[in-house]
Amino acid sequence: LSPQKAMDELLTAFAAAHAAHDTLQIIGDGPERPRLERLVVALGLADRVRIHGTRADHLRIVAAADVLVLASHHEGMPNAALEALAVGTPVLATTDLVTLAHLASSAQPGALRLVERSALADALTDTARLEPRPTMGAGVDSLRPSLLPAEHRVEHVVLRLLELLRGPEVSR
């Protein structure tokens, strides 16, 4: 939770957009946490926002979410986006995350949506209209199909890694 993550902007957008039943789960820790906790109270969101801190089981929370929101001003390739898509959770991010543009263009419709920072509150309102996603099983740990484009799926990445490790074929 650092300034670049723009959690304050996400909280402000959530306050403007949330429906009575919406909740926001923030996973992570850092120097901005005390200020963000005060902002949650100031925005009247104490009953709708939970800041979990760093959690070893963060993927359980992400897998249960309707959407993962990234409001960061800049990042490299956000692993959080890849993890969310891998567990079947759609991602909403700002266009500031230029490294996600290619991924968004190759992902299935609705899997990864990029919006202008100024449209974040409106985009959060739209997440209330998400269709329920199918699961691949029943019970507490129900899985949803991955939303990753084929080139980012485990089997493709492993095959590509094996090709790279073998190196170019040498003629004898």
N, C-alpha and C. Protein backbone atom coordinates (compact mmCIF):
# COMPACT_ATOMS: atom_id res chain seq x y z
N LEU A 1 0.84 -1.17 0.00
CA LEU A 1 0.00 0.00 0.00
C LEU A 1 0.89 1.23 0.00
N SER A 2 1.25 1.62 -1.20
CA SER A 2 2.10 2.78 -1.41
C SER A 2 1.35 3.78 -2.28
N PRO A 3 1.84 5.02 -2.36
CA PRO A 3 1.13 6.03 -3.16
C PRO A 3 0.88 5.61 -4.61
N GLN A 4 1.82 4.90 -5.23
CA GLN A 4 1.64 4.51 -6.63
C GLN A 4 0.44 3.60 -6.84
N LYS A 5 0.00 2.89 -5.80
CA LYS A 5 -1.14 1.97 -5.93
C LYS A 5 -2.48 2.70 -6.01
N ALA A 6 -2.50 3.98 -5.64
CA ALA A 6 -3.69 4.84 -5.76
C ALA A 6 -4.92 4.27 -5.04
N MET A 7 -4.69 3.66 -3.90
CA MET A 7 -5.81 3.11 -3.13
C MET A 7 -6.75 4.21 -2.65
N ASP A 8 -6.22 5.40 -2.41
CA ASP A 8 -7.08 6.51 -2.00
C ASP A 8 -8.07 6.84 -3.12
N GLU A 9 -7.61 6.81 -4.36
CA GLU A 9 -8.50 7.08 -5.50
C GLU A 9 -9.53 5.96 -5.65
N LEU A 10 -9.10 4.72 -5.41
CA LEU A 10 -10.04 3.61 -5.49
C LEU A 10 -11.12 3.74 -4.41
N LEU A 11 -10.72 4.09 -3.20
CA LEU A 11 -11.69 4.26 -2.12
C LEU A 11 -12.68 5.38 -2.45
N THR A 12 -12.20 6.48 -2.98
CA THR A 12 -13.07 7.59 -3.35
C THR A 12 -14.04 7.17 -4.46
N ALA A 13 -13.53 6.44 -5.45
CA ALA A 13 -14.39 5.95 -6.54
C ALA A 13 -15.42 4.96 -6.00
N PHE A 14 -15.00 4.09 -5.09
CA PHE A 14 -15.91 3.11 -4.50
C PHE A 14 -17.01 3.80 -3.71
N ALA A 15 -16.64 4.84 -2.97
CA ALA A 15 -17.63 5.58 -2.19
C ALA A 15 -18.68 6.21 -3.10
N ALA A 16 -18.25 6.65 -4.27
CA ALA A 16 -19.18 7.28 -5.21
C ALA A 16 -20.03 6.25 -5.96
N ALA A 17 -19.54 5.03 -6.08
CA ALA A 17 -20.18 4.07 -6.96
C ALA A 17 -20.87 2.91 -6.28
N HIS A 18 -20.53 2.57 -5.07
CA HIS A 18 -20.97 1.31 -4.48
C HIS A 18 -22.47 1.27 -4.21
N ALA A 19 -22.98 0.07 -4.35
CA ALA A 19 -24.35 -0.21 -3.94
C ALA A 19 -24.31 -0.68 -2.49
N ALA A 20 -25.43 -0.71 -1.84
CA ALA A 20 -25.50 -1.04 -0.42
C ALA A 20 -24.89 -2.40 -0.10
N HIS A 21 -24.92 -3.34 -1.03
CA HIS A 21 -24.42 -4.69 -0.75
C HIS A 21 -22.97 -4.89 -1.17
N ASP A 22 -22.36 -3.93 -1.86
CA ASP A 22 -20.98 -4.06 -2.32
C ASP A 22 -20.00 -3.96 -1.17
N THR A 23 -18.92 -4.74 -1.28
CA THR A 23 -17.82 -4.64 -0.32
C THR A 23 -16.52 -4.52 -1.09
N LEU A 24 -15.54 -3.95 -0.46
CA LEU A 24 -14.22 -3.80 -1.06
C LEU A 24 -13.22 -4.44 -0.12
N GLN A 25 -12.48 -5.40 -0.64
CA GLN A 25 -11.46 -6.10 0.13
C GLN A 25 -10.11 -5.64 -0.39
N ILE A 26 -9.30 -5.07 0.47
CA ILE A 26 -7.96 -4.61 0.07
C ILE A 26 -6.95 -5.54 0.70
N ILE A 27 -6.10 -6.10 -0.13
CA ILE A 27 -5.08 -7.04 0.34
C ILE A 27 -3.72 -6.37 0.18
N GLY A 28 -2.95 -6.35 1.24
CA GLY A 28 -1.62 -5.76 1.18
C GLY A 28 -1.36 -4.90 2.38
N ASP A 29 -0.13 -4.47 2.48
CA ASP A 29 0.28 -3.65 3.60
C ASP A 29 1.31 -2.66 3.09
N GLY A 30 1.61 -1.68 3.88
CA GLY A 30 2.61 -0.71 3.48
C GLY A 30 2.42 0.61 4.18
N PRO A 31 3.22 1.59 3.80
CA PRO A 31 3.25 2.86 4.51
C PRO A 31 1.94 3.66 4.43
N GLU A 32 1.11 3.41 3.45
CA GLU A 32 -0.14 4.15 3.29
C GLU A 32 -1.29 3.59 4.13
N ARG A 33 -1.09 2.44 4.74
CA ARG A 33 -2.21 1.78 5.43
C ARG A 33 -2.90 2.66 6.49
N PRO A 34 -2.16 3.29 7.40
CA PRO A 34 -2.86 4.11 8.41
C PRO A 34 -3.69 5.23 7.78
N ARG A 35 -3.15 5.89 6.77
CA ARG A 35 -3.89 6.96 6.10
C ARG A 35 -5.13 6.42 5.40
N LEU A 36 -5.00 5.24 4.77
CA LEU A 36 -6.15 4.63 4.09
C LEU A 36 -7.23 4.21 5.09
N GLU A 37 -6.82 3.69 6.23
CA GLU A 37 -7.79 3.32 7.27
C GLU A 37 -8.57 4.54 7.74
N ARG A 38 -7.89 5.67 7.88
CA ARG A 38 -8.59 6.91 8.26
C ARG A 38 -9.53 7.37 7.16
N LEU A 39 -9.12 7.22 5.91
CA LEU A 39 -9.95 7.61 4.77
C LEU A 39 -11.21 6.75 4.69
N VAL A 40 -11.08 5.46 4.97
CA VAL A 40 -12.24 4.56 4.99
C VAL A 40 -13.28 5.09 5.96
N VAL A 41 -12.85 5.48 7.14
CA VAL A 41 -13.76 6.01 8.15
C VAL A 41 -14.35 7.35 7.69
N ALA A 42 -13.51 8.22 7.17
CA ALA A 42 -13.96 9.55 6.73
C ALA A 42 -15.00 9.45 5.60
N LEU A 43 -14.86 8.45 4.74
CA LEU A 43 -15.80 8.26 3.64
C LEU A 43 -17.05 7.50 4.05
N GLY A 44 -17.12 7.08 5.32
CA GLY A 44 -18.28 6.34 5.81
C GLY A 44 -18.35 4.92 5.27
N LEU A 45 -17.20 4.33 5.03
CA LEU A 45 -17.15 2.99 4.43
C LEU A 45 -16.69 1.90 5.38
N ALA A 46 -16.63 2.19 6.67
CA ALA A 46 -16.08 1.22 7.62
C ALA A 46 -16.81 -0.12 7.60
N ASP A 47 -18.09 -0.12 7.26
CA ASP A 47 -18.84 -1.38 7.22
C ASP A 47 -18.76 -2.06 5.86
N ARG A 48 -18.11 -1.45 4.88
CA ARG A 48 -18.05 -2.01 3.53
C ARG A 48 -16.64 -2.28 3.01
N VAL A 49 -15.63 -1.79 3.72
CA VAL A 49 -14.24 -1.94 3.27
C VAL A 49 -13.44 -2.65 4.35
N ARG A 50 -12.68 -3.62 3.92
CA ARG A 50 -11.79 -4.33 4.84
C ARG A 50 -10.38 -4.32 4.27
N ILE A 51 -9.44 -3.87 5.06
CA ILE A 51 -8.03 -3.91 4.66
C ILE A 51 -7.42 -5.11 5.38
N HIS A 52 -7.10 -6.14 4.62
CA HIS A 52 -6.64 -7.41 5.19
C HIS A 52 -5.18 -7.43 5.59
N GLY A 53 -4.36 -6.59 4.99
CA GLY A 53 -2.93 -6.72 5.17
C GLY A 53 -2.42 -7.81 4.24
N THR A 54 -1.18 -8.20 4.43
CA THR A 54 -0.60 -9.25 3.61
C THR A 54 -1.14 -10.60 4.08
N ARG A 55 -1.57 -11.41 3.13
CA ARG A 55 -2.17 -12.71 3.48
C ARG A 55 -1.59 -13.81 2.60
N ALA A 56 -1.23 -14.91 3.20
CA ALA A 56 -0.74 -16.05 2.43
C ALA A 56 -1.85 -16.65 1.57
N ASP A 57 -3.11 -16.50 2.01
CA ASP A 57 -4.24 -17.07 1.28
C ASP A 57 -4.95 -16.03 0.41
N HIS A 58 -4.22 -15.04 -0.07
CA HIS A 58 -4.83 -13.96 -0.84
C HIS A 58 -5.58 -14.45 -2.08
N LEU A 59 -5.13 -15.55 -2.67
CA LEU A 59 -5.82 -16.05 -3.87
C LEU A 59 -7.22 -16.57 -3.56
N ARG A 60 -7.47 -17.02 -2.35
CA ARG A 60 -8.84 -17.42 -1.97
C ARG A 60 -9.76 -16.21 -2.01
N ILE A 61 -9.27 -15.08 -1.51
CA ILE A 61 -10.07 -13.86 -1.52
C ILE A 61 -10.30 -13.39 -2.95
N VAL A 62 -9.25 -13.41 -3.74
CA VAL A 62 -9.35 -12.99 -5.15
C VAL A 62 -10.29 -13.93 -5.92
N ALA A 63 -10.18 -15.21 -5.68
CA ALA A 63 -11.04 -16.18 -6.39
C ALA A 63 -12.51 -16.01 -6.04
N ALA A 64 -12.79 -15.55 -4.84
CA ALA A 64 -14.18 -15.36 -4.43
C ALA A 64 -14.75 -14.00 -4.86
N ALA A 65 -13.89 -13.12 -5.35
CA ALA A 65 -14.32 -11.77 -5.70
C ALA A 65 -15.05 -11.74 -7.04
N ASP A 66 -15.90 -10.74 -7.18
CA ASP A 66 -16.58 -10.52 -8.47
C ASP A 66 -15.63 -9.88 -9.46
N VAL A 67 -14.71 -9.07 -8.98
CA VAL A 67 -13.76 -8.37 -9.85
C VAL A 67 -12.56 -7.94 -9.02
N LEU A 68 -11.38 -7.91 -9.65
CA LEU A 68 -10.18 -7.37 -9.04
C LEU A 68 -9.96 -6.00 -9.67
N VAL A 69 -9.76 -4.98 -8.84
CA VAL A 69 -9.58 -3.63 -9.34
C VAL A 69 -8.15 -3.18 -9.07
N LEU A 70 -7.50 -2.70 -10.13
CA LEU A 70 -6.15 -2.14 -10.02
C LEU A 70 -6.22 -0.67 -10.40
N ALA A 71 -5.99 0.20 -9.42
CA ALA A 71 -6.04 1.64 -9.67
C ALA A 71 -4.65 2.26 -9.76
N SER A 72 -3.62 1.44 -9.79
CA SER A 72 -2.25 1.93 -9.75
C SER A 72 -1.95 2.95 -10.85
N HIS A 73 -1.04 3.86 -10.50
CA HIS A 73 -0.58 4.84 -11.49
C HIS A 73 0.41 4.21 -12.45
N HIS A 74 1.20 3.28 -11.96
CA HIS A 74 2.16 2.57 -12.82
C HIS A 74 2.59 1.28 -12.13
N GLU A 75 2.88 0.29 -12.94
CA GLU A 75 3.43 -0.99 -12.48
C GLU A 75 4.13 -1.61 -13.67
N GLY A 76 4.91 -2.63 -13.41
CA GLY A 76 5.43 -3.42 -14.51
C GLY A 76 4.26 -4.28 -15.00
N MET A 77 4.43 -5.57 -15.12
CA MET A 77 3.31 -6.46 -15.42
C MET A 77 2.72 -6.85 -14.07
N PRO A 78 1.53 -6.37 -13.75
CA PRO A 78 0.95 -6.64 -12.43
C PRO A 78 0.60 -8.13 -12.26
N ASN A 79 1.35 -8.79 -11.38
CA ASN A 79 1.06 -10.20 -11.11
C ASN A 79 -0.35 -10.39 -10.57
N ALA A 80 -0.86 -9.40 -9.84
CA ALA A 80 -2.21 -9.52 -9.30
C ALA A 80 -3.23 -9.72 -10.41
N ALA A 81 -3.04 -9.05 -11.54
CA ALA A 81 -3.95 -9.21 -12.67
C ALA A 81 -3.87 -10.62 -13.24
N LEU A 82 -2.66 -11.13 -13.39
CA LEU A 82 -2.48 -12.48 -13.93
C LEU A 82 -3.06 -13.52 -12.97
N GLU A 83 -2.83 -13.34 -11.67
CA GLU A 83 -3.37 -14.28 -10.68
C GLU A 83 -4.89 -14.27 -10.69
N ALA A 84 -5.48 -13.08 -10.76
CA ALA A 84 -6.94 -12.99 -10.76
C ALA A 84 -7.51 -13.69 -11.98
N LEU A 85 -6.97 -13.41 -13.14
CA LEU A 85 -7.46 -14.05 -14.36
C LEU A 85 -7.28 -15.57 -14.29
N ALA A 86 -6.16 -16.01 -13.72
CA ALA A 86 -5.90 -17.45 -13.62
C ALA A 86 -6.95 -18.16 -12.77
N VAL A 87 -7.49 -17.46 -11.75
CA VAL A 87 -8.51 -18.08 -10.89
C VAL A 87 -9.92 -17.70 -11.32
N GLY A 88 -10.04 -17.11 -12.51
CA GLY A 88 -11.36 -16.83 -13.09
C GLY A 88 -12.02 -15.55 -12.64
N THR A 89 -11.26 -14.64 -12.05
CA THR A 89 -11.81 -13.36 -11.60
C THR A 89 -11.47 -12.27 -12.62
N PRO A 90 -12.48 -11.60 -13.16
CA PRO A 90 -12.22 -10.51 -14.11
C PRO A 90 -11.45 -9.37 -13.45
N VAL A 91 -10.77 -8.59 -14.28
CA VAL A 91 -9.94 -7.50 -13.80
C VAL A 91 -10.41 -6.18 -14.41
N LEU A 92 -10.48 -5.16 -13.57
CA LEU A 92 -10.74 -3.79 -13.99
C LEU A 92 -9.51 -2.99 -13.61
N ALA A 93 -8.89 -2.32 -14.58
CA ALA A 93 -7.68 -1.55 -14.31
C ALA A 93 -7.72 -0.24 -15.09
N THR A 94 -6.87 0.67 -14.68
CA THR A 94 -6.81 1.94 -15.40
C THR A 94 -5.89 1.80 -16.61
N THR A 95 -6.11 2.66 -17.58
CA THR A 95 -5.28 2.66 -18.79
C THR A 95 -3.85 3.10 -18.49
N ASP A 96 -3.61 3.59 -17.27
CA ASP A 96 -2.24 3.93 -16.87
C ASP A 96 -1.34 2.70 -16.87
N LEU A 97 -1.93 1.53 -16.70
CA LEU A 97 -1.15 0.28 -16.67
C LEU A 97 -0.98 -0.21 -18.10
N VAL A 98 -0.08 0.45 -18.82
CA VAL A 98 0.09 0.19 -20.25
C VAL A 98 0.53 -1.24 -20.54
N THR A 99 1.17 -1.89 -19.58
CA THR A 99 1.61 -3.27 -19.82
C THR A 99 0.44 -4.24 -19.93
N LEU A 100 -0.75 -3.81 -19.51
CA LEU A 100 -1.92 -4.68 -19.60
C LEU A 100 -2.64 -4.55 -20.95
N ALA A 101 -2.25 -3.60 -21.78
CA ALA A 101 -2.96 -3.37 -23.05
C ALA A 101 -2.94 -4.60 -23.94
N HIS A 102 -1.79 -5.23 -24.11
CA HIS A 102 -1.73 -6.43 -24.96
C HIS A 102 -2.55 -7.56 -24.37
N LEU A 103 -2.43 -7.74 -23.07
CA LEU A 103 -3.20 -8.78 -22.40
C LEU A 103 -4.69 -8.54 -22.58
N ALA A 104 -5.11 -7.29 -22.46
CA ALA A 104 -6.53 -6.95 -22.63
C ALA A 104 -7.00 -7.25 -24.05
N SER A 105 -6.14 -7.01 -25.03
CA SER A 105 -6.54 -7.24 -26.42
C SER A 105 -6.63 -8.71 -26.77
N SER A 106 -5.91 -9.56 -26.03
CA SER A 106 -5.95 -11.00 -26.34
C SER A 106 -6.85 -11.79 -25.39
N ALA A 107 -7.34 -11.15 -24.34
CA ALA A 107 -8.21 -11.84 -23.36
C ALA A 107 -9.63 -11.95 -23.91
N GLN A 108 -10.36 -12.90 -23.39
CA GLN A 108 -11.75 -13.05 -23.80
C GLN A 108 -12.56 -11.83 -23.35
N PRO A 109 -13.64 -11.52 -24.05
CA PRO A 109 -14.44 -10.35 -23.71
C PRO A 109 -14.87 -10.37 -22.24
N GLY A 110 -14.71 -9.23 -21.59
CA GLY A 110 -15.12 -9.09 -20.19
C GLY A 110 -14.09 -9.54 -19.18
N ALA A 111 -13.00 -10.17 -19.62
CA ALA A 111 -12.01 -10.67 -18.67
C ALA A 111 -11.13 -9.56 -18.11
N LEU A 112 -10.74 -8.62 -18.94
CA LEU A 112 -9.84 -7.54 -18.52
C LEU A 112 -10.30 -6.25 -19.18
N ARG A 113 -10.75 -5.34 -18.35
CA ARG A 113 -11.27 -4.07 -18.86
C ARG A 113 -10.37 -2.94 -18.39
N LEU A 114 -9.92 -2.13 -19.34
CA LEU A 114 -9.10 -0.97 -19.03
C LEU A 114 -9.94 0.29 -19.21
N VAL A 115 -9.91 1.16 -18.21
CA VAL A 115 -10.68 2.40 -18.27
C VAL A 115 -9.79 3.58 -17.90
N GLU A 116 -10.18 4.74 -18.36
CA GLU A 116 -9.49 5.97 -17.96
C GLU A 116 -9.68 6.15 -16.45
N ARG A 117 -8.68 6.71 -15.82
CA ARG A 117 -8.74 6.93 -14.36
C ARG A 117 -9.99 7.73 -13.99
N SER A 118 -10.35 8.70 -14.81
CA SER A 118 -11.51 9.54 -14.51
C SER A 118 -12.83 8.77 -14.59
N ALA A 119 -12.82 7.60 -15.22
CA ALA A 119 -14.04 6.80 -15.38
C ALA A 119 -14.11 5.64 -14.40
N LEU A 120 -13.21 5.59 -13.43
CA LEU A 120 -13.15 4.46 -12.51
C LEU A 120 -14.45 4.27 -11.72
N ALA A 121 -15.02 5.34 -11.20
CA ALA A 121 -16.27 5.21 -10.42
C ALA A 121 -17.39 4.66 -11.28
N ASP A 122 -17.51 5.15 -12.52
CA ASP A 122 -18.54 4.63 -13.43
C ASP A 122 -18.30 3.15 -13.74
N ALA A 123 -17.04 2.78 -13.93
CA ALA A 123 -16.72 1.39 -14.22
C ALA A 123 -17.04 0.50 -13.04
N LEU A 124 -16.82 0.99 -11.83
CA LEU A 124 -17.17 0.22 -10.64
C LEU A 124 -18.68 0.00 -10.56
N THR A 125 -19.44 0.98 -10.95
CA THR A 125 -20.89 0.84 -10.98
C THR A 125 -21.29 -0.26 -11.96
N ASP A 126 -20.58 -0.34 -13.09
CA ASP A 126 -20.87 -1.36 -14.09
C ASP A 126 -20.58 -2.77 -13.59
N THR A 127 -19.66 -2.93 -12.63
CA THR A 127 -19.34 -4.27 -12.15
C THR A 127 -20.53 -4.90 -11.45
N ALA A 128 -21.48 -4.10 -11.01
CA ALA A 128 -22.68 -4.64 -10.36
C ALA A 128 -23.51 -5.44 -11.36
N ARG A 129 -23.26 -5.23 -12.62
CA ARG A 129 -24.02 -5.93 -13.66
C ARG A 129 -23.30 -7.18 -14.18
N LEU A 130 -22.26 -7.61 -13.51
CA LEU A 130 -21.52 -8.79 -13.96
C LEU A 130 -22.41 -10.02 -13.92
N GLU A 131 -22.26 -10.85 -14.92
CA GLU A 131 -22.96 -12.12 -14.95
C GLU A 131 -22.30 -13.07 -13.96
N PRO A 132 -23.06 -13.93 -13.29
CA PRO A 132 -22.42 -14.93 -12.44
C PRO A 132 -21.52 -15.81 -13.31
N ARG A 133 -20.33 -16.11 -12.79
CA ARG A 133 -19.39 -16.91 -13.58
C ARG A 133 -19.54 -18.38 -13.23
N PRO A 134 -19.42 -19.23 -14.24
CA PRO A 134 -19.58 -20.67 -13.99
C PRO A 134 -18.43 -21.22 -13.15
N THR A 135 -18.73 -22.23 -12.35
CA THR A 135 -17.69 -22.89 -11.58
C THR A 135 -17.46 -24.28 -12.16
N MET A 136 -16.30 -24.85 -11.83
CA MET A 136 -15.95 -26.19 -12.33
C MET A 136 -16.14 -27.23 -11.26
N GLY A 137 -16.73 -26.86 -10.14
CA GLY A 137 -16.92 -27.82 -9.06
C GLY A 137 -17.82 -27.22 -8.01
N ALA A 138 -18.05 -27.96 -6.95
CA ALA A 138 -18.92 -27.48 -5.89
C ALA A 138 -18.13 -27.39 -4.60
N GLY A 139 -18.68 -26.71 -3.64
CA GLY A 139 -18.05 -26.65 -2.33
C GLY A 139 -17.32 -25.35 -2.11
N VAL A 140 -16.62 -25.29 -1.00
CA VAL A 140 -15.93 -24.08 -0.57
C VAL A 140 -14.89 -23.63 -1.59
N ASP A 141 -14.19 -24.55 -2.16
CA ASP A 141 -13.11 -24.20 -3.08
C ASP A 141 -13.52 -24.37 -4.54
N SER A 142 -14.75 -24.01 -4.87
CA SER A 142 -15.19 -24.10 -6.25
C SER A 142 -14.27 -23.30 -7.15
N LEU A 143 -13.88 -23.89 -8.22
CA LEU A 143 -13.00 -23.23 -9.17
C LEU A 143 -13.79 -22.71 -10.35
N ARG A 144 -13.33 -21.63 -10.89
CA ARG A 144 -13.89 -21.10 -12.13
C ARG A 144 -12.84 -21.29 -13.20
N PRO A 145 -13.27 -21.39 -14.45
CA PRO A 145 -12.29 -21.52 -15.53
C PRO A 145 -11.38 -20.29 -15.58
N SER A 146 -10.13 -20.52 -15.95
CA SER A 146 -9.18 -19.43 -16.10
C SER A 146 -9.65 -18.47 -17.18
N LEU A 147 -9.38 -17.20 -16.98
CA LEU A 147 -9.68 -16.18 -17.97
C LEU A 147 -8.42 -15.71 -18.69
N LEU A 148 -7.29 -16.36 -18.41
CA LEU A 148 -6.05 -15.99 -19.07
C LEU A 148 -6.10 -16.33 -20.55
N PRO A 149 -5.55 -15.45 -21.40
CA PRO A 149 -5.41 -15.81 -22.82
C PRO A 149 -4.49 -17.03 -22.93
N ALA A 150 -4.64 -17.79 -23.99
CA ALA A 150 -3.91 -19.05 -24.16
C ALA A 150 -2.40 -18.90 -23.96
N GLU A 151 -1.82 -17.81 -24.45
CA GLU A 151 -0.36 -17.68 -24.35
C GLU A 151 0.13 -17.47 -22.92
N HIS A 152 -0.77 -17.23 -21.98
CA HIS A 152 -0.39 -17.06 -20.58
C HIS A 152 -0.81 -18.24 -19.71
N ARG A 153 -1.43 -19.23 -20.28
CA ARG A 153 -1.85 -20.39 -19.49
C ARG A 153 -0.64 -21.27 -19.17
N VAL A 154 -0.74 -21.97 -18.06
CA VAL A 154 0.39 -22.74 -17.54
C VAL A 154 0.97 -23.69 -18.59
N GLU A 155 0.12 -24.45 -19.26
CA GLU A 155 0.63 -25.43 -20.21
C GLU A 155 1.42 -24.77 -21.34
N HIS A 156 0.97 -23.62 -21.80
CA HIS A 156 1.68 -22.92 -22.87
C HIS A 156 3.01 -22.36 -22.36
N VAL A 157 3.00 -21.78 -21.17
CA VAL A 157 4.21 -21.20 -20.61
C VAL A 157 5.25 -22.29 -20.36
N VAL A 158 4.83 -23.44 -19.85
CA VAL A 158 5.77 -24.53 -19.59
C VAL A 158 6.37 -25.04 -20.90
N LEU A 159 5.56 -25.22 -21.91
CA LEU A 159 6.08 -25.67 -23.21
C LEU A 159 7.07 -24.66 -23.79
N ARG A 160 6.77 -23.39 -23.67
CA ARG A 160 7.67 -22.34 -24.17
C ARG A 160 8.97 -22.34 -23.38
N LEU A 161 8.89 -22.52 -22.06
CA LEU A 161 10.09 -22.58 -21.23
C LEU A 161 10.96 -23.77 -21.64
N LEU A 162 10.34 -24.93 -21.87
CA LEU A 162 11.11 -26.10 -22.30
C LEU A 162 11.79 -25.86 -23.64
N GLU A 163 11.12 -25.19 -24.53
CA GLU A 163 11.74 -24.84 -25.83
C GLU A 163 12.96 -23.96 -25.61
N LEU A 164 12.83 -22.99 -24.74
CA LEU A 164 13.95 -22.08 -24.48
C LEU A 164 15.11 -22.80 -23.82
N LEU A 165 14.80 -23.73 -22.91
CA LEU A 165 15.86 -24.46 -22.22
C LEU A 165 16.60 -25.41 -23.15
N ARG A 166 15.89 -25.96 -24.12
CA ARG A 166 16.54 -26.86 -25.08
C ARG A 166 17.49 -26.10 -25.98
N GLY A 167 17.20 -24.86 -26.25
CA GLY A 167 18.04 -24.05 -27.13
C GLY A 167 17.82 -24.43 -28.58
N PRO A 168 18.49 -23.70 -29.46
CA PRO A 168 18.32 -24.01 -30.89
C PRO A 168 18.90 -25.38 -31.23
N GLU A 169 18.22 -26.05 -32.10
CA GLU A 169 18.70 -27.36 -32.56
C GLU A 169 19.98 -27.15 -33.36
N VAL A 170 20.99 -27.96 -33.09
CA VAL A 170 22.27 -27.84 -33.79
C VAL A 170 22.35 -28.97 -34.81
N SER A 171 22.62 -28.62 -36.06
CA SER A 171 22.77 -29.65 -37.12
C SER A 171 24.11 -30.34 -36.96
N ARG A 172 24.08 -31.66 -37.20
CA ARG A 172 25.35 -32.41 -37.10
C ARG A 172 25.84 -32.74 -38.46
